[in-house]
């Protein structure tokens, strides 16, 4: 179901916009992005086992009130955000919709596995505000959703398992209870260095840091990414599905035609996260529920490949993540696939 959903989304949204006349000014281009993450790339079916996120990003805006989709009452709030008033900055409005699925290591057991990650689903929608200069990208993200049976994680996972003719997960009766989920997050990315090698290849170093608050997660992150390749895009790198992640927003110096030549680059990244609260490990906020003792520091190491041609970009990232809770049998490998189109 997940794969079919992605393919249908691509066909419906990508092709109609790319087939007709397109604006020549790249600042008028909107961006649509599909994220797909799954542990099948690590040959497992447990823990953080699947996630899908769709994101839409507006064209460049000189000020947020230029976007007619934002209601008037939001502008005083937006003006209070420090980065929204940075001189010379350009802004984008983003909308996101996604689902996460979490399971224990033994999905055939029907009883509660008290020392393993609880079953949980997270279904959400959100609004993201991006402000960027040539060197800095700030992202403020507000997400509202549901954790529990109403997230339909059991339906999504077991439908895919039935389609693939593999055993379904049997322990979803032990998942977290329904709970309204709210998450506020901020992330800053900054281009630390950029240069060229052999007059052909480009390379750069991009750092990031951020903070997340809410009953879903309270955490702080710091990390970076190094990229090397041919016709390196002038954006702020790629992202996994995470709170406050930039939606691959283009930098200001895109080609005047809106088109980019073919490019290919390799990248490697790392991230360290300090976790104060994680509802998917700590359990429900207001009800007794399954829970485990979380690790307070979690690290990611990743590497991948990105292809960009004209207004399309395809990225694959292989992520190694350290243990997230006491009793976790092994670190986790996750594959992250991203498909992007500007139109």
C-alpha atoms as a PDB file:
ATOM      1  CA  UNK A   1       0.000   0.000   0.000  1.00  0.00           C
ATOM      2  CA  UNK A   2       2.794   2.426   0.848  1.00  0.00           C
ATOM      3  CA  UNK A   3       4.653   1.870  -2.428  1.00  0.00           C
ATOM      4  CA  UNK A   4       1.412   2.148  -4.441  1.00  0.00           C
ATOM      5  CA  UNK A   5       0.504   5.347  -2.583  1.00  0.00           C
ATOM      6  CA  UNK A   6       3.861   6.903  -3.477  1.00  0.00           C
ATOM      7  CA  UNK A   7       3.603   5.928  -7.155  1.00  0.00           C
ATOM      8  CA  UNK A   8       0.052   7.265  -7.478  1.00  0.00           C
ATOM      9  CA  UNK A   9       1.075  10.515  -5.778  1.00  0.00           C
ATOM     10  CA  UNK A  10       3.958  10.909  -8.202  1.00  0.00           C
ATOM     11  CA  UNK A  11       1.772  10.296 -11.249  1.00  0.00           C
ATOM     12  CA  UNK A  12      -1.024  12.625 -10.152  1.00  0.00           C
ATOM     13  CA  UNK A  13       1.082  15.484  -8.879  1.00  0.00           C
ATOM     14  CA  UNK A  14       4.361  15.413 -10.795  1.00  0.00           C
ATOM     15  CA  UNK A  15       3.332  14.878 -14.398  1.00  0.00           C
ATOM     16  CA  UNK A  16       0.475  17.372 -14.827  1.00  0.00           C
ATOM     17  CA  UNK A  17       2.610  20.241 -13.566  1.00  0.00           C
ATOM     18  CA  UNK A  18       5.715  19.270 -15.502  1.00  0.00           C
ATOM     19  CA  UNK A  19       3.891  18.736 -18.763  1.00  0.00           C
ATOM     20  CA  UNK A  20       2.601  22.266 -19.290  1.00  0.00           C
ATOM     21  CA  UNK A  21       4.156  25.676 -19.532  1.00  0.00           C
ATOM     22  CA  UNK A  22       6.370  26.490 -16.579  1.00  0.00           C
ATOM     23  CA  UNK A  23       7.448  29.857 -15.180  1.00  0.00           C
ATOM     24  CA  UNK A  24      10.883  30.968 -16.259  1.00  0.00           C
ATOM     25  CA  UNK A  25      11.654  32.697 -12.989  1.00  0.00           C
ATOM     26  CA  UNK A  26      12.824  30.016 -10.520  1.00  0.00           C
ATOM     27  CA  UNK A  27      11.513  32.054  -7.596  1.00  0.00           C
ATOM     28  CA  UNK A  28       8.006  31.239  -8.853  1.00  0.00           C
ATOM     29  CA  UNK A  29       8.530  27.478  -8.643  1.00  0.00           C
ATOM     30  CA  UNK A  30       6.743  25.399  -6.021  1.00  0.00           C
ATOM     31  CA  UNK A  31       8.196  22.129  -4.744  1.00  0.00           C
ATOM     32  CA  UNK A  32       6.592  18.787  -3.948  1.00  0.00           C
ATOM     33  CA  UNK A  33       8.456  16.083  -2.058  1.00  0.00           C
ATOM     34  CA  UNK A  34       7.785  12.457  -1.128  1.00  0.00           C
ATOM     35  CA  UNK A  35       9.736  10.849   1.729  1.00  0.00           C
ATOM     36  CA  UNK A  36       9.740   7.085   2.256  1.00  0.00           C
ATOM     37  CA  UNK A  37      11.699   5.496   5.122  1.00  0.00           C
ATOM     38  CA  UNK A  38      11.776   1.825   6.058  1.00  0.00           C
ATOM     39  CA  UNK A  39      13.967  -0.625   7.933  1.00  0.00           C
ATOM     40  CA  UNK A  40      13.616  -3.179   5.127  1.00  0.00           C
ATOM     41  CA  UNK A  41      16.817  -1.623   3.745  1.00  0.00           C
ATOM     42  CA  UNK A  42      18.468  -3.051   6.875  1.00  0.00           C
ATOM     43  CA  UNK A  43      16.679  -6.402   6.383  1.00  0.00           C
ATOM     44  CA  UNK A  44      14.617  -6.044   9.578  1.00  0.00           C
ATOM     45  CA  UNK A  45      10.981  -5.386  10.469  1.00  0.00           C
ATOM     46  CA  UNK A  46      10.982  -3.741  13.890  1.00  0.00           C
ATOM     47  CA  UNK A  47      11.416  -0.560  15.951  1.00  0.00           C
ATOM     48  CA  UNK A  48      11.111   2.478  13.649  1.00  0.00           C
ATOM     49  CA  UNK A  49       9.814   0.322  10.840  1.00  0.00           C
ATOM     50  CA  UNK A  50       8.126   2.649   8.336  1.00  0.00           C
ATOM     51  CA  UNK A  51       7.322   6.293   7.650  1.00  0.00           C
ATOM     52  CA  UNK A  52       5.884   8.273   4.747  1.00  0.00           C
ATOM     53  CA  UNK A  53       5.716  12.046   4.491  1.00  0.00           C
ATOM     54  CA  UNK A  54       4.399  14.307   1.732  1.00  0.00           C
ATOM     55  CA  UNK A  55       5.495  17.932   1.708  1.00  0.00           C
ATOM     56  CA  UNK A  56       4.574  20.906  -0.420  1.00  0.00           C
ATOM     57  CA  UNK A  57       6.636  24.086  -0.495  1.00  0.00           C
ATOM     58  CA  UNK A  58       5.473  27.452  -1.823  1.00  0.00           C
ATOM     59  CA  UNK A  59       7.341  29.636  -4.273  1.00  0.00           C
ATOM     60  CA  UNK A  60       9.745  32.218  -2.852  1.00  0.00           C
ATOM     61  CA  UNK A  61       8.093  35.029  -0.895  1.00  0.00           C
ATOM     62  CA  UNK A  62       9.559  38.407   0.014  1.00  0.00           C
ATOM     63  CA  UNK A  63       7.316  38.346   3.097  1.00  0.00           C
ATOM     64  CA  UNK A  64       5.005  35.718   4.535  1.00  0.00           C
ATOM     65  CA  UNK A  65       1.876  37.825   3.999  1.00  0.00           C
ATOM     66  CA  UNK A  66       2.416  37.443   0.237  1.00  0.00           C
ATOM     67  CA  UNK A  67       1.063  33.888   0.588  1.00  0.00           C
ATOM     68  CA  UNK A  68      -2.727  34.099   0.287  1.00  0.00           C
ATOM     69  CA  UNK A  69      -3.122  30.719   2.017  1.00  0.00           C
ATOM     70  CA  UNK A  70      -2.052  32.140   5.376  1.00  0.00           C
ATOM     71  CA  UNK A  71      -4.933  33.726   7.344  1.00  0.00           C
ATOM     72  CA  UNK A  72      -4.501  37.330   8.482  1.00  0.00           C
ATOM     73  CA  UNK A  73      -4.498  36.438  12.190  1.00  0.00           C
ATOM     74  CA  UNK A  74      -1.226  34.528  11.765  1.00  0.00           C
ATOM     75  CA  UNK A  75       0.845  37.530  10.647  1.00  0.00           C
ATOM     76  CA  UNK A  76       1.315  39.178  14.080  1.00  0.00           C
ATOM     77  CA  UNK A  77       2.470  35.786  15.400  1.00  0.00           C
ATOM     78  CA  UNK A  78       4.829  35.253  12.457  1.00  0.00           C
ATOM     79  CA  UNK A  79       6.314  38.744  12.832  1.00  0.00           C
ATOM     80  CA  UNK A  80       7.259  37.824  16.407  1.00  0.00           C
ATOM     81  CA  UNK A  81       9.472  34.992  15.112  1.00  0.00           C
ATOM     82  CA  UNK A  82      13.053  36.363  15.075  1.00  0.00           C
ATOM     83  CA  UNK A  83      14.180  34.928  11.726  1.00  0.00           C
ATOM     84  CA  UNK A  84      11.021  36.093   9.915  1.00  0.00           C
ATOM     85  CA  UNK A  85      12.327  39.672   9.899  1.00  0.00           C
ATOM     86  CA  UNK A  86      15.946  39.005   8.853  1.00  0.00           C
ATOM     87  CA  UNK A  87      16.954  41.676   6.288  1.00  0.00           C
ATOM     88  CA  UNK A  88      17.430  40.266   2.802  1.00  0.00           C
ATOM     89  CA  UNK A  89      15.882  36.892   3.602  1.00  0.00           C
ATOM     90  CA  UNK A  90      13.454  35.024   1.350  1.00  0.00           C
ATOM     91  CA  UNK A  91      10.593  32.933   2.738  1.00  0.00           C
ATOM     92  CA  UNK A  92       8.662  29.770   1.874  1.00  0.00           C
ATOM     93  CA  UNK A  93       5.531  28.238   3.393  1.00  0.00           C
ATOM     94  CA  UNK A  94       5.354  24.448   3.623  1.00  0.00           C
ATOM     95  CA  UNK A  95       2.558  21.968   4.299  1.00  0.00           C
ATOM     96  CA  UNK A  96       3.279  18.392   5.392  1.00  0.00           C
ATOM     97  CA  UNK A  97       1.293  15.199   5.920  1.00  0.00           C
ATOM     98  CA  UNK A  98       2.751  11.947   7.218  1.00  0.00           C
ATOM     99  CA  UNK A  99       2.518   8.687   9.140  1.00  0.00           C
ATOM    100  CA  UNK A 100       5.070   6.854  11.323  1.00  0.00           C
ATOM    101  CA  UNK A 101       4.895   3.205  12.446  1.00  0.00           C
ATOM    102  CA  UNK A 102       6.758   1.690  15.426  1.00  0.00           C
ATOM    103  CA  UNK A 103       6.769  -1.961  16.561  1.00  0.00           C
ATOM    104  CA  UNK A 104       8.673  -4.277  18.927  1.00  0.00           C
ATOM    105  CA  UNK A 105      11.175  -6.798  17.583  1.00  0.00           C
ATOM    106  CA  UNK A 106       8.781  -9.769  17.734  1.00  0.00           C
ATOM    107  CA  UNK A 107       5.687  -8.840  15.754  1.00  0.00           C
ATOM    108  CA  UNK A 108       4.242 -12.376  15.947  1.00  0.00           C
ATOM    109  CA  UNK A 109       3.737 -12.288  19.724  1.00  0.00           C
ATOM    110  CA  UNK A 110       0.199 -11.322  20.770  1.00  0.00           C
ATOM    111  CA  UNK A 111       0.985 -10.516  24.415  1.00  0.00           C
ATOM    112  CA  UNK A 112       2.550  -7.309  25.719  1.00  0.00           C
ATOM    113  CA  UNK A 113       6.357  -7.303  25.431  1.00  0.00           C
ATOM    114  CA  UNK A 114       7.169  -5.183  28.447  1.00  0.00           C
ATOM    115  CA  UNK A 115      10.914  -4.845  27.765  1.00  0.00           C
ATOM    116  CA  UNK A 116      10.590  -3.968  24.092  1.00  0.00           C
ATOM    117  CA  UNK A 117       9.530  -0.896  22.113  1.00  0.00           C
ATOM    118  CA  UNK A 118       5.734  -0.459  22.263  1.00  0.00           C
ATOM    119  CA  UNK A 119       3.521  -0.636  19.200  1.00  0.00           C
ATOM    120  CA  UNK A 120       2.636   2.921  18.127  1.00  0.00           C
ATOM    121  CA  UNK A 121       1.427   4.929  15.171  1.00  0.00           C
ATOM    122  CA  UNK A 122       1.584   8.646  14.484  1.00  0.00           C
ATOM    123  CA  UNK A 123      -0.608  10.350  11.869  1.00  0.00           C
ATOM    124  CA  UNK A 124      -0.076  14.092  11.462  1.00  0.00           C
ATOM    125  CA  UNK A 125      -0.300  17.246   9.410  1.00  0.00           C
ATOM    126  CA  UNK A 126       1.606  20.444   9.818  1.00  0.00           C
ATOM    127  CA  UNK A 127       2.745  23.855   8.693  1.00  0.00           C
ATOM    128  CA  UNK A 128       6.374  24.859   8.141  1.00  0.00           C
ATOM    129  CA  UNK A 129       7.787  28.362   7.792  1.00  0.00           C
ATOM    130  CA  UNK A 130      11.169  28.658   6.062  1.00  0.00           C
ATOM    131  CA  UNK A 131      13.403  31.726   5.897  1.00  0.00           C
ATOM    132  CA  UNK A 132      16.661  31.632   3.962  1.00  0.00           C
ATOM    133  CA  UNK A 133      19.631  33.604   2.780  1.00  0.00           C
ATOM    134  CA  UNK A 134      22.492  32.277   0.689  1.00  0.00           C
ATOM    135  CA  UNK A 135      24.127  30.899   3.828  1.00  0.00           C
ATOM    136  CA  UNK A 136      21.398  30.177   6.402  1.00  0.00           C
ATOM    137  CA  UNK A 137      18.059  28.339   6.396  1.00  0.00           C
ATOM    138  CA  UNK A 138      15.705  28.570   9.394  1.00  0.00           C
ATOM    139  CA  UNK A 139      12.690  26.274   9.662  1.00  0.00           C
ATOM    140  CA  UNK A 140       9.867  26.546  12.188  1.00  0.00           C
ATOM    141  CA  UNK A 141       7.443  23.624  12.084  1.00  0.00           C
ATOM    142  CA  UNK A 142       4.099  23.185  13.839  1.00  0.00           C
ATOM    143  CA  UNK A 143       2.583  19.689  13.712  1.00  0.00           C
ATOM    144  CA  UNK A 144      -0.757  18.430  15.051  1.00  0.00           C
ATOM    145  CA  UNK A 145      -1.788  14.783  14.844  1.00  0.00           C
ATOM    146  CA  UNK A 146      -2.880  11.670  16.666  1.00  0.00           C
ATOM    147  CA  UNK A 147      -0.967   8.887  18.387  1.00  0.00           C
ATOM    148  CA  UNK A 148      -2.756   5.559  18.885  1.00  0.00           C
ATOM    149  CA  UNK A 149      -5.303   3.422  17.002  1.00  0.00           C
ATOM    150  CA  UNK A 150      -6.732   6.457  15.176  1.00  0.00           C
ATOM    151  CA  UNK A 151      -3.345   6.816  13.450  1.00  0.00           C
ATOM    152  CA  UNK A 152      -4.256   3.637  11.498  1.00  0.00           C
ATOM    153  CA  UNK A 153      -0.729   2.244  11.734  1.00  0.00           C
ATOM    154  CA  UNK A 154      -2.028  -1.310  12.222  1.00  0.00           C
ATOM    155  CA  UNK A 155      -4.117  -1.029   9.052  1.00  0.00           C
ATOM    156  CA  UNK A 156      -1.217   0.429   7.046  1.00  0.00           C
ATOM    157  CA  UNK A 157       1.364  -2.128   8.179  1.00  0.00           C
ATOM    158  CA  UNK A 158      -0.781  -5.235   7.909  1.00  0.00           C
ATOM    159  CA  UNK A 159      -2.250  -4.222   4.558  1.00  0.00           C
ATOM    160  CA  UNK A 160       1.274  -3.993   3.135  1.00  0.00           C
ATOM    161  CA  UNK A 161       2.202  -7.336   4.733  1.00  0.00           C
ATOM    162  CA  UNK A 162      -0.848  -8.984   3.187  1.00  0.00           C
ATOM    163  CA  UNK A 163       0.009  -7.534  -0.221  1.00  0.00           C
ATOM    164  CA  UNK A 164       3.551  -8.891   0.118  1.00  0.00           C
ATOM    165  CA  UNK A 165       2.218 -12.241   1.374  1.00  0.00           C
ATOM    166  CA  UNK A 166       4.200 -12.111   4.627  1.00  0.00           C
ATOM    167  CA  UNK A 167       2.889 -12.670   8.189  1.00  0.00           C
ATOM    168  CA  UNK A 168       1.007  -9.726   9.648  1.00  0.00           C
ATOM    169  CA  UNK A 169       1.893  -8.107  12.979  1.00  0.00           C
ATOM    170  CA  UNK A 170      -0.140  -9.757  15.758  1.00  0.00           C
ATOM    171  CA  UNK A 171       0.385  -7.475  18.766  1.00  0.00           C
ATOM    172  CA  UNK A 172      -1.351  -4.228  17.820  1.00  0.00           C
ATOM    173  CA  UNK A 173      -3.856  -4.638  20.674  1.00  0.00           C
ATOM    174  CA  UNK A 174      -0.971  -3.504  22.910  1.00  0.00           C
ATOM    175  CA  UNK A 175      -0.307  -0.197  21.147  1.00  0.00           C
ATOM    176  CA  UNK A 176      -0.302   3.233  22.791  1.00  0.00           C
ATOM    177  CA  UNK A 177      -3.702   4.804  23.488  1.00  0.00           C
ATOM    178  CA  UNK A 178      -5.238   7.564  21.384  1.00  0.00           C
ATOM    179  CA  UNK A 179      -3.749  10.946  22.278  1.00  0.00           C
ATOM    180  CA  UNK A 180      -3.766  14.315  20.567  1.00  0.00           C
ATOM    181  CA  UNK A 181      -0.176  14.980  19.518  1.00  0.00           C
ATOM    182  CA  UNK A 182       1.378  18.450  19.229  1.00  0.00           C
ATOM    183  CA  UNK A 183       4.952  19.164  18.180  1.00  0.00           C
ATOM    184  CA  UNK A 184       6.791  22.482  17.764  1.00  0.00           C
ATOM    185  CA  UNK A 185      10.264  22.461  16.289  1.00  0.00           C
ATOM    186  CA  UNK A 186      12.931  24.797  14.990  1.00  0.00           C
ATOM    187  CA  UNK A 187      15.986  23.919  12.936  1.00  0.00           C
ATOM    188  CA  UNK A 188      18.788  26.059  11.531  1.00  0.00           C
ATOM    189  CA  UNK A 189      21.042  24.964   8.672  1.00  0.00           C
ATOM    190  CA  UNK A 190      24.079  26.978   7.705  1.00  0.00           C
ATOM    191  CA  UNK A 191      26.517  26.598   4.827  1.00  0.00           C
ATOM    192  CA  UNK A 192      29.880  26.521   6.534  1.00  0.00           C
ATOM    193  CA  UNK A 193      32.074  26.145   3.459  1.00  0.00           C
ATOM    194  CA  UNK A 194      31.801  25.662  -0.302  1.00  0.00           C
ATOM    195  CA  UNK A 195      34.521  25.303  -2.948  1.00  0.00           C
ATOM    196  CA  UNK A 196      35.432  23.569  -6.188  1.00  0.00           C
ATOM    197  CA  UNK A 197      37.932  20.814  -6.958  1.00  0.00           C
ATOM    198  CA  UNK A 198      39.661  20.309 -10.330  1.00  0.00           C
ATOM    199  CA  UNK A 199      37.410  23.022 -11.862  1.00  0.00           C
ATOM    200  CA  UNK A 200      34.719  20.346 -12.245  1.00  0.00           C
ATOM    201  CA  UNK A 201      33.531  19.015  -8.903  1.00  0.00           C
ATOM    202  CA  UNK A 202      31.921  20.982  -6.080  1.00  0.00           C
ATOM    203  CA  UNK A 203      31.960  20.268  -2.378  1.00  0.00           C
ATOM    204  CA  UNK A 204      30.430  21.911   0.657  1.00  0.00           C
ATOM    205  CA  UNK A 205      29.854  21.483   4.374  1.00  0.00           C
ATOM    206  CA  UNK A 206      26.437  22.174   5.923  1.00  0.00           C
ATOM    207  CA  UNK A 207      25.802  22.225   9.661  1.00  0.00           C
ATOM    208  CA  UNK A 208      22.480  22.029  11.481  1.00  0.00           C
ATOM    209  CA  UNK A 209      21.066  22.332  14.977  1.00  0.00           C
ATOM    210  CA  UNK A 210      17.547  22.382  16.367  1.00  0.00           C
ATOM    211  CA  UNK A 211      15.119  21.917  19.209  1.00  0.00           C
ATOM    212  CA  UNK A 212      11.758  20.131  19.474  1.00  0.00           C
ATOM    213  CA  UNK A 213       9.026  20.689  22.100  1.00  0.00           C
ATOM    214  CA  UNK A 214       5.641  19.108  22.723  1.00  0.00           C
ATOM    215  CA  UNK A 215       4.009  15.982  24.100  1.00  0.00           C
ATOM    216  CA  UNK A 216       5.365  13.972  21.140  1.00  0.00           C
ATOM    217  CA  UNK A 217       9.020  14.797  21.696  1.00  0.00           C
ATOM    218  CA  UNK A 218      11.331  17.087  23.633  1.00  0.00           C
ATOM    219  CA  UNK A 219      14.854  16.981  22.228  1.00  0.00           C
ATOM    220  CA  UNK A 220      17.802  18.951  20.893  1.00  0.00           C
ATOM    221  CA  UNK A 221      19.975  18.055  17.899  1.00  0.00           C
ATOM    222  CA  UNK A 222      23.271  19.037  16.332  1.00  0.00           C
ATOM    223  CA  UNK A 223      24.903  17.630  13.215  1.00  0.00           C
ATOM    224  CA  UNK A 224      26.328  18.202   9.778  1.00  0.00           C
ATOM    225  CA  UNK A 225      26.617  16.965   6.213  1.00  0.00           C
ATOM    226  CA  UNK A 226      29.436  17.029   3.687  1.00  0.00           C
ATOM    227  CA  UNK A 227      28.677  16.793  -0.038  1.00  0.00           C
ATOM    228  CA  UNK A 228      30.912  16.193  -3.069  1.00  0.00           C
ATOM    229  CA  UNK A 229      29.874  15.873  -6.683  1.00  0.00           C
ATOM    230  CA  UNK A 230      29.207  17.185 -10.169  1.00  0.00           C
ATOM    231  CA  UNK A 231      26.866  20.198 -10.473  1.00  0.00           C
ATOM    232  CA  UNK A 232      26.143  20.252  -6.759  1.00  0.00           C
ATOM    233  CA  UNK A 233      22.705  21.865  -6.233  1.00  0.00           C
ATOM    234  CA  UNK A 234      22.655  25.209  -4.437  1.00  0.00           C
ATOM    235  CA  UNK A 235      20.260  24.040  -1.753  1.00  0.00           C
ATOM    236  CA  UNK A 236      20.754  23.134   1.904  1.00  0.00           C
ATOM    237  CA  UNK A 237      21.271  19.407   1.477  1.00  0.00           C
ATOM    238  CA  UNK A 238      18.939  16.479   1.981  1.00  0.00           C
ATOM    239  CA  UNK A 239      16.974  15.451   5.046  1.00  0.00           C
ATOM    240  CA  UNK A 240      15.461  12.439   6.708  1.00  0.00           C
ATOM    241  CA  UNK A 241      11.950  12.670   8.163  1.00  0.00           C
ATOM    242  CA  UNK A 242      12.582  14.500  11.403  1.00  0.00           C
ATOM    243  CA  UNK A 243      11.117  17.363  13.353  1.00  0.00           C
ATOM    244  CA  UNK A 244      11.940  20.720  11.813  1.00  0.00           C
ATOM    245  CA  UNK A 245      13.716  19.272   8.804  1.00  0.00           C
ATOM    246  CA  UNK A 246      14.197  21.705   5.929  1.00  0.00           C
ATOM    247  CA  UNK A 247      12.270  20.667   2.850  1.00  0.00           C
ATOM    248  CA  UNK A 248      15.276  20.873   0.505  1.00  0.00           C
ATOM    249  CA  UNK A 249      14.533  24.559  -0.009  1.00  0.00           C
ATOM    250  CA  UNK A 250      16.557  25.999  -2.906  1.00  0.00           C
ATOM    251  CA  UNK A 251      19.071  28.745  -2.300  1.00  0.00           C
ATOM    252  CA  UNK A 252      18.754  32.153  -3.907  1.00  0.00           C
ATOM    253  CA  UNK A 253      21.267  31.624  -6.710  1.00  0.00           C
ATOM    254  CA  UNK A 254      19.349  29.174  -8.874  1.00  0.00           C
ATOM    255  CA  UNK A 255      19.817  29.445 -12.661  1.00  0.00           C
ATOM    256  CA  UNK A 256      17.737  32.217 -14.192  1.00  0.00           C
ATOM    257  CA  UNK A 257      15.881  29.787 -16.445  1.00  0.00           C
ATOM    258  CA  UNK A 258      14.663  27.731 -13.504  1.00  0.00           C
ATOM    259  CA  UNK A 259      16.419  24.720 -15.020  1.00  0.00           C
ATOM    260  CA  UNK A 260      19.437  22.889 -13.680  1.00  0.00           C
ATOM    261  CA  UNK A 261      21.794  20.613 -15.590  1.00  0.00           C
ATOM    262  CA  UNK A 262      22.235  16.991 -14.667  1.00  0.00           C
ATOM    263  CA  UNK A 263      24.126  16.537 -11.427  1.00  0.00           C
ATOM    264  CA  UNK A 264      25.211  13.749  -9.142  1.00  0.00           C
ATOM    265  CA  UNK A 265      26.786  13.894  -5.715  1.00  0.00           C
ATOM    266  CA  UNK A 266      27.716  11.774  -2.734  1.00  0.00           C
ATOM    267  CA  UNK A 267      27.104  12.889   0.822  1.00  0.00           C
ATOM    268  CA  UNK A 268      27.789  11.788   4.385  1.00  0.00           C
ATOM    269  CA  UNK A 269      26.272  13.111   7.571  1.00  0.00           C
ATOM    270  CA  UNK A 270      26.128  12.728  11.323  1.00  0.00           C
ATOM    271  CA  UNK A 271      23.782  13.838  14.081  1.00  0.00           C
ATOM    272  CA  UNK A 272      23.708  13.703  17.868  1.00  0.00           C
ATOM    273  CA  UNK A 273      20.368  14.059  19.639  1.00  0.00           C
ATOM    274  CA  UNK A 274      19.707  14.639  23.308  1.00  0.00           C
ATOM    275  CA  UNK A 275      16.260  13.246  24.174  1.00  0.00           C
ATOM    276  CA  UNK A 276      14.255  14.470  27.174  1.00  0.00           C
ATOM    277  CA  UNK A 277      10.901  12.965  26.172  1.00  0.00           C
ATOM    278  CA  UNK A 278       9.739  10.546  23.462  1.00  0.00           C
ATOM    279  CA  UNK A 279       6.085   9.488  23.608  1.00  0.00           C
ATOM    280  CA  UNK A 280       6.833   6.381  21.510  1.00  0.00           C
ATOM    281  CA  UNK A 281       9.177   5.133  24.267  1.00  0.00           C
ATOM    282  CA  UNK A 282       7.892   6.906  27.409  1.00  0.00           C
ATOM    283  CA  UNK A 283       4.259   6.029  26.674  1.00  0.00           C
ATOM    284  CA  UNK A 284       1.093   8.110  26.779  1.00  0.00           C
ATOM    285  CA  UNK A 285       1.090  11.412  28.637  1.00  0.00           C
ATOM    286  CA  UNK A 286      -2.209  11.097  30.507  1.00  0.00           C
ATOM    287  CA  UNK A 287      -2.863   7.338  30.647  1.00  0.00           C
ATOM    288  CA  UNK A 288      -0.971   4.277  31.762  1.00  0.00           C
ATOM    289  CA  UNK A 289       0.474   2.578  28.693  1.00  0.00           C
ATOM    290  CA  UNK A 290       3.368   0.372  27.590  1.00  0.00           C
ATOM    291  CA  UNK A 291       6.757   2.073  27.904  1.00  0.00           C
ATOM    292  CA  UNK A 292      10.482   1.390  28.070  1.00  0.00           C
ATOM    293  CA  UNK A 293      13.450   3.285  29.450  1.00  0.00           C
ATOM    294  CA  UNK A 294      14.817   5.500  26.686  1.00  0.00           C
ATOM    295  CA  UNK A 295      18.436   6.346  25.919  1.00  0.00           C
ATOM    296  CA  UNK A 296      19.121  10.033  26.486  1.00  0.00           C
ATOM    297  CA  UNK A 297      21.705  10.348  23.703  1.00  0.00           C
ATOM    298  CA  UNK A 298      21.110   8.914  20.221  1.00  0.00           C
ATOM    299  CA  UNK A 299      23.541   9.182  17.321  1.00  0.00           C
ATOM    300  CA  UNK A 300      23.067   8.872  13.558  1.00  0.00           C
ATOM    301  CA  UNK A 301      25.669   8.223  10.877  1.00  0.00           C
ATOM    302  CA  UNK A 302      24.551   8.252   7.267  1.00  0.00           C
ATOM    303  CA  UNK A 303      25.751   8.275   3.680  1.00  0.00           C
ATOM    304  CA  UNK A 304      23.994   8.408   0.364  1.00  0.00           C
ATOM    305  CA  UNK A 305      23.694   9.425  -3.267  1.00  0.00           C
ATOM    306  CA  UNK A 306      21.629  12.171  -4.913  1.00  0.00           C
ATOM    307  CA  UNK A 307      20.745  12.699  -8.572  1.00  0.00           C
ATOM    308  CA  UNK A 308      19.289  15.938  -9.867  1.00  0.00           C
ATOM    309  CA  UNK A 309      18.100  16.643 -13.396  1.00  0.00           C
ATOM    310  CA  UNK A 310      16.240  19.746 -14.474  1.00  0.00           C
ATOM    311  CA  UNK A 311      13.621  20.199 -11.715  1.00  0.00           C
ATOM    312  CA  UNK A 312      13.782  16.667 -10.332  1.00  0.00           C
ATOM    313  CA  UNK A 313      15.906  15.336  -7.503  1.00  0.00           C
ATOM    314  CA  UNK A 314      16.187  11.761  -6.226  1.00  0.00           C
ATOM    315  CA  UNK A 315      18.027  10.983  -3.007  1.00  0.00           C
ATOM    316  CA  UNK A 316      18.828   7.785  -1.143  1.00  0.00           C
ATOM    317  CA  UNK A 317      20.323   7.878   2.368  1.00  0.00           C
ATOM    318  CA  UNK A 318      21.471   4.828   4.387  1.00  0.00           C
ATOM    319  CA  UNK A 319      21.199   5.605   8.102  1.00  0.00           C
ATOM    320  CA  UNK A 320      22.876   3.866  11.034  1.00  0.00           C
ATOM    321  CA  UNK A 321      21.151   4.767  14.331  1.00  0.00           C
ATOM    322  CA  UNK A 322      22.390   3.868  17.807  1.00  0.00           C
ATOM    323  CA  UNK A 323      20.132   2.195  20.364  1.00  0.00           C
ATOM    324  CA  UNK A 324      17.173   4.282  21.480  1.00  0.00           C
ATOM    325  CA  UNK A 325      16.047   2.362  24.571  1.00  0.00           C
ATOM    326  CA  UNK A 326      17.425   0.065  27.257  1.00  0.00           C
ATOM    327  CA  UNK A 327      17.123  -3.548  26.212  1.00  0.00           C
ATOM    328  CA  UNK A 328      17.227  -2.801  22.474  1.00  0.00           C
ATOM    329  CA  UNK A 329      18.957  -5.829  20.998  1.00  0.00           C
ATOM    330  CA  UNK A 330      20.852  -4.028  18.244  1.00  0.00           C
ATOM    331  CA  UNK A 331      21.407  -0.683  16.579  1.00  0.00           C
ATOM    332  CA  UNK A 332      19.129   0.049  13.638  1.00  0.00           C
ATOM    333  CA  UNK A 333      19.675   0.499   9.907  1.00  0.00           C
ATOM    334  CA  UNK A 334      17.126   2.616   8.042  1.00  0.00           C
ATOM    335  CA  UNK A 335      16.850   3.492   4.358  1.00  0.00           C
ATOM    336  CA  UNK A 336      15.515   6.934   3.415  1.00  0.00           C
ATOM    337  CA  UNK A 337      14.326   7.622  -0.136  1.00  0.00           C
ATOM    338  CA  UNK A 338      13.276  11.110  -1.240  1.00  0.00           C
ATOM    339  CA  UNK A 339      11.779  12.215  -4.554  1.00  0.00           C
ATOM    340  CA  UNK A 340      11.468  15.933  -5.294  1.00  0.00           C
ATOM    341  CA  UNK A 341      10.032  17.987  -8.149  1.00  0.00           C
ATOM    342  CA  UNK A 342       9.715  21.729  -8.672  1.00  0.00           C
ATOM    343  CA  UNK A 343       6.905  22.988 -10.894  1.00  0.00           C
END
